[in-house]
Every structure is written in C-alpha cells, then in structure tokens.
Amino acid sequence: MIVEVVGGADQRPEVRVVDTDDLSRVVLALGEVTDEEADQALRDAGLGRLADGDSALLDVEALRTAAGPAAAGGDGSARFDELVGPLRDEADDGMLRVPVQSAAGA
C-alpha cells in the first residue's frame, strides 16, 4: 500500500492511497512537494504527519478507511492487521511509522 502526496490542482498537494491490494508493505511516497507541504497535506487528510525526513507517522484507522474494501472485513482485515502490527510505534500512540521515499521510486 502506498500513501502518495503529490502536486495537485492549483499546486495544492493531494494525498492518495494507492496499491491497496498490496498489503505486504506501507510507504509514504512524496512527489514534488516540500516536507512542510507533505506534512500539512497528511494532517489535512487526517492520515498522519511527517516524523522526520525519513519516516512518517500514519493513523491506523484512517489508513484502514482510506484503503477501503481491501483492508476491511474477512481476509483483508486480517492481512491489514498483520501488516500494521510490527509497524506500530508505541512511543507515538500506536501510529504506524513508515518509510518516506520519492514517488518515482514507489
């Protein structure tokens, strides 16, 4: 699963959750946006925030909702729980600490 922050309409960054069928990983992919723009876009979307230049903290339930049917109910829910379990950062209220990479490399 990839959370993307990319330049949007009127140069306002957009947040999208893509590759929701791939529950083997979660990454934050940044397009041509500054760290400040990415952080604000994540906060505005209710998905989380940048922790530093190398990682982000994502809200588990907001991510599950954004992932839609792939992470809800039955096998998808169990696979989502398996994915997020080891990524939960107990120091940050159980949010997911995920790596940040370039959108081109996602």
C-alpha atoms as a PDB file:
ATOM      1  CA  MET A   1       0.000   0.000   0.000  1.00  0.00           C
ATOM      2  CA  ILE A   2       1.322   3.416  -0.892  1.00  0.00           C
ATOM      3  CA  VAL A   3       0.248   6.746   0.547  1.00  0.00           C
ATOM      4  CA  GLU A   4       1.164   9.380  -2.038  1.00  0.00           C
ATOM      5  CA  VAL A   5       1.490  13.112  -1.571  1.00  0.00           C
ATOM      6  CA  VAL A   6       1.723  14.699  -4.988  1.00  0.00           C
ATOM      7  CA  GLY A   7       1.177  18.125  -6.513  1.00  0.00           C
ATOM      8  CA  GLY A   8      -2.491  18.663  -7.179  1.00  0.00           C
ATOM      9  CA  ALA A   9      -4.826  21.196  -8.717  1.00  0.00           C
ATOM     10  CA  ASP A  10      -3.702  24.784  -8.172  1.00  0.00           C
ATOM     11  CA  GLN A  11      -0.419  23.372  -6.836  1.00  0.00           C
ATOM     12  CA  ARG A  12      -2.105  22.221  -3.628  1.00  0.00           C
ATOM     13  CA  PRO A  13      -0.715  18.806  -2.690  1.00  0.00           C
ATOM     14  CA  GLU A  14      -3.095  15.870  -2.820  1.00  0.00           C
ATOM     15  CA  VAL A  15      -2.993  12.742  -0.694  1.00  0.00           C
ATOM     16  CA  ARG A  16      -3.966   9.436  -2.303  1.00  0.00           C
ATOM     17  CA  VAL A  17      -3.869   5.886  -1.029  1.00  0.00           C
ATOM     18  CA  VAL A  18      -2.988   3.520  -3.886  1.00  0.00           C
ATOM     19  CA  ASP A  19      -1.969  -0.118  -4.349  1.00  0.00           C
ATOM     20  CA  THR A  20      -4.397  -1.065  -1.604  1.00  0.00           C
ATOM     21  CA  ASP A  21      -4.386  -4.685  -2.763  1.00  0.00           C
ATOM     22  CA  ASP A  22      -0.701  -4.934  -1.828  1.00  0.00           C
ATOM     23  CA  LEU A  23      -0.797  -5.397   1.930  1.00  0.00           C
ATOM     24  CA  SER A  24       2.828  -6.523   2.113  1.00  0.00           C
ATOM     25  CA  ARG A  25       4.157  -3.007   2.793  1.00  0.00           C
ATOM     26  CA  VAL A  26       3.189   0.560   3.581  1.00  0.00           C
ATOM     27  CA  VAL A  27       5.259   3.507   2.360  1.00  0.00           C
ATOM     28  CA  LEU A  28       4.791   7.237   2.013  1.00  0.00           C
ATOM     29  CA  ALA A  29       5.755   8.388  -1.476  1.00  0.00           C
ATOM     30  CA  LEU A  30       6.392  12.087  -1.982  1.00  0.00           C
ATOM     31  CA  GLY A  31       6.132  13.818  -5.325  1.00  0.00           C
ATOM     32  CA  GLU A  32       7.432  17.298  -5.988  1.00  0.00           C
ATOM     33  CA  VAL A  33       6.349  18.729  -2.646  1.00  0.00           C
ATOM     34  CA  THR A  34       8.293  20.165   0.260  1.00  0.00           C
ATOM     35  CA  ASP A  35       8.364  18.395   3.605  1.00  0.00           C
ATOM     36  CA  GLU A  36       6.170  21.168   5.007  1.00  0.00           C
ATOM     37  CA  GLU A  37       3.607  20.735   2.219  1.00  0.00           C
ATOM     38  CA  ALA A  38       3.599  16.951   2.670  1.00  0.00           C
ATOM     39  CA  ASP A  39       3.171  17.263   6.426  1.00  0.00           C
ATOM     40  CA  GLN A  40       0.284  19.705   6.069  1.00  0.00           C
ATOM     41  CA  ALA A  41      -1.427  17.595   3.391  1.00  0.00           C
ATOM     42  CA  LEU A  42      -1.233  14.481   5.605  1.00  0.00           C
ATOM     43  CA  ARG A  43      -2.635  16.420   8.566  1.00  0.00           C
ATOM     44  CA  ASP A  44      -5.423  17.954   6.454  1.00  0.00           C
ATOM     45  CA  ALA A  45      -6.364  14.486   5.144  1.00  0.00           C
ATOM     46  CA  GLY A  46      -6.433  13.124   8.705  1.00  0.00           C
ATOM     47  CA  LEU A  47      -3.899  10.432   7.805  1.00  0.00           C
ATOM     48  CA  GLY A  48      -0.967  11.472   9.959  1.00  0.00           C
ATOM     49  CA  ARG A  49       2.170  13.578   9.769  1.00  0.00           C
ATOM     50  CA  LEU A  50       5.833  13.546   8.812  1.00  0.00           C
ATOM     51  CA  ALA A  51       8.048  12.438  11.677  1.00  0.00           C
ATOM     52  CA  ASP A  52      11.316  13.445  10.016  1.00  0.00           C
ATOM     53  CA  GLY A  53      12.863  13.348   6.555  1.00  0.00           C
ATOM     54  CA  ASP A  54      12.989   9.556   6.527  1.00  0.00           C
ATOM     55  CA  SER A  55       9.706   8.496   8.110  1.00  0.00           C
ATOM     56  CA  ALA A  56       6.078   9.414   8.655  1.00  0.00           C
ATOM     57  CA  LEU A  57       3.519   8.527  11.300  1.00  0.00           C
ATOM     58  CA  LEU A  58       0.191   7.334   9.898  1.00  0.00           C
ATOM     59  CA  ASP A  59      -3.078   6.844  11.757  1.00  0.00           C
ATOM     60  CA  VAL A  60      -4.040   3.156  11.625  1.00  0.00           C
ATOM     61  CA  GLU A  61      -7.809   3.575  11.436  1.00  0.00           C
ATOM     62  CA  ALA A  62      -7.641   6.456   8.953  1.00  0.00           C
ATOM     63  CA  LEU A  63      -5.378   4.334   6.763  1.00  0.00           C
ATOM     64  CA  ARG A  64      -7.739   1.338   7.025  1.00  0.00           C
ATOM     65  CA  THR A  65     -10.653   3.558   5.977  1.00  0.00           C
ATOM     66  CA  ALA A  66      -8.693   5.080   3.088  1.00  0.00           C
ATOM     67  CA  ALA A  67      -7.653   1.609   1.886  1.00  0.00           C
ATOM     68  CA  GLY A  68     -11.321   0.685   1.549  1.00  0.00           C
ATOM     69  CA  PRO A  69     -12.523  -2.869   0.905  1.00  0.00           C
ATOM     70  CA  ALA A  70      -9.012  -4.299   0.562  1.00  0.00           C
ATOM     71  CA  ALA A  71      -8.405  -3.708   4.291  1.00  0.00           C
ATOM     72  CA  ALA A  72     -11.922  -4.271   5.610  1.00  0.00           C
ATOM     73  CA  GLY A  73     -13.633  -7.491   6.542  1.00  0.00           C
ATOM     74  CA  GLY A  74     -12.535 -11.096   6.287  1.00  0.00           C
ATOM     75  CA  ASP A  75      -9.104 -11.957   4.962  1.00  0.00           C
ATOM     76  CA  GLY A  76      -8.337  -8.339   4.000  1.00  0.00           C
ATOM     77  CA  SER A  77      -8.832  -7.145   7.558  1.00  0.00           C
ATOM     78  CA  ALA A  78      -6.619  -9.916   8.946  1.00  0.00           C
ATOM     79  CA  ARG A  79      -3.893  -9.184   6.380  1.00  0.00           C
ATOM     80  CA  PHE A  80      -4.089  -5.456   7.200  1.00  0.00           C
ATOM     81  CA  ASP A  81      -3.718  -6.226  10.915  1.00  0.00           C
ATOM     82  CA  GLU A  82      -0.692  -8.443  10.185  1.00  0.00           C
ATOM     83  CA  LEU A  83       0.846  -5.639   8.135  1.00  0.00           C
ATOM     84  CA  VAL A  84       0.379  -2.849  10.654  1.00  0.00           C
ATOM     85  CA  GLY A  85       1.211  -4.816  13.811  1.00  0.00           C
ATOM     86  CA  PRO A  86       5.001  -4.620  13.549  1.00  0.00           C
ATOM     87  CA  LEU A  87       4.890  -1.013  12.285  1.00  0.00           C
ATOM     88  CA  ARG A  88       3.013   0.405  15.263  1.00  0.00           C
ATOM     89  CA  ASP A  89       5.181   2.858  17.147  1.00  0.00           C
ATOM     90  CA  GLU A  90       4.312   2.547  20.824  1.00  0.00           C
ATOM     91  CA  ALA A  91       6.146   5.814  21.528  1.00  0.00           C
ATOM     92  CA  ASP A  92       3.749   7.611  19.185  1.00  0.00           C
ATOM     93  CA  ASP A  93       0.343   6.463  20.445  1.00  0.00           C
ATOM     94  CA  GLY A  94       0.384   3.329  18.300  1.00  0.00           C
ATOM     95  CA  MET A  95       0.587   5.159  14.996  1.00  0.00           C
ATOM     96  CA  LEU A  96       2.415   3.495  12.114  1.00  0.00           C
ATOM     97  CA  ARG A  97       5.987   4.569  11.452  1.00  0.00           C
ATOM     98  CA  VAL A  98       6.545   4.124   7.713  1.00  0.00           C
ATOM     99  CA  PRO A  99       9.449   4.985   5.412  1.00  0.00           C
ATOM    100  CA  VAL A 100       9.376   8.000   3.108  1.00  0.00           C
ATOM    101  CA  GLN A 101      10.548   7.682  -0.471  1.00  0.00           C
ATOM    102  CA  SER A 102      10.289   9.502  -3.765  1.00  0.00           C
ATOM    103  CA  ALA A 103       7.041   8.926  -5.657  1.00  0.00           C
ATOM    104  CA  ALA A 104       9.188   7.978  -8.653  1.00  0.00           C
ATOM    105  CA  GLY A 105      10.640   5.085  -6.640  1.00  0.00           C
ATOM    106  CA  ALA A 106       7.318   3.807  -5.320  1.00  0.00           C
END
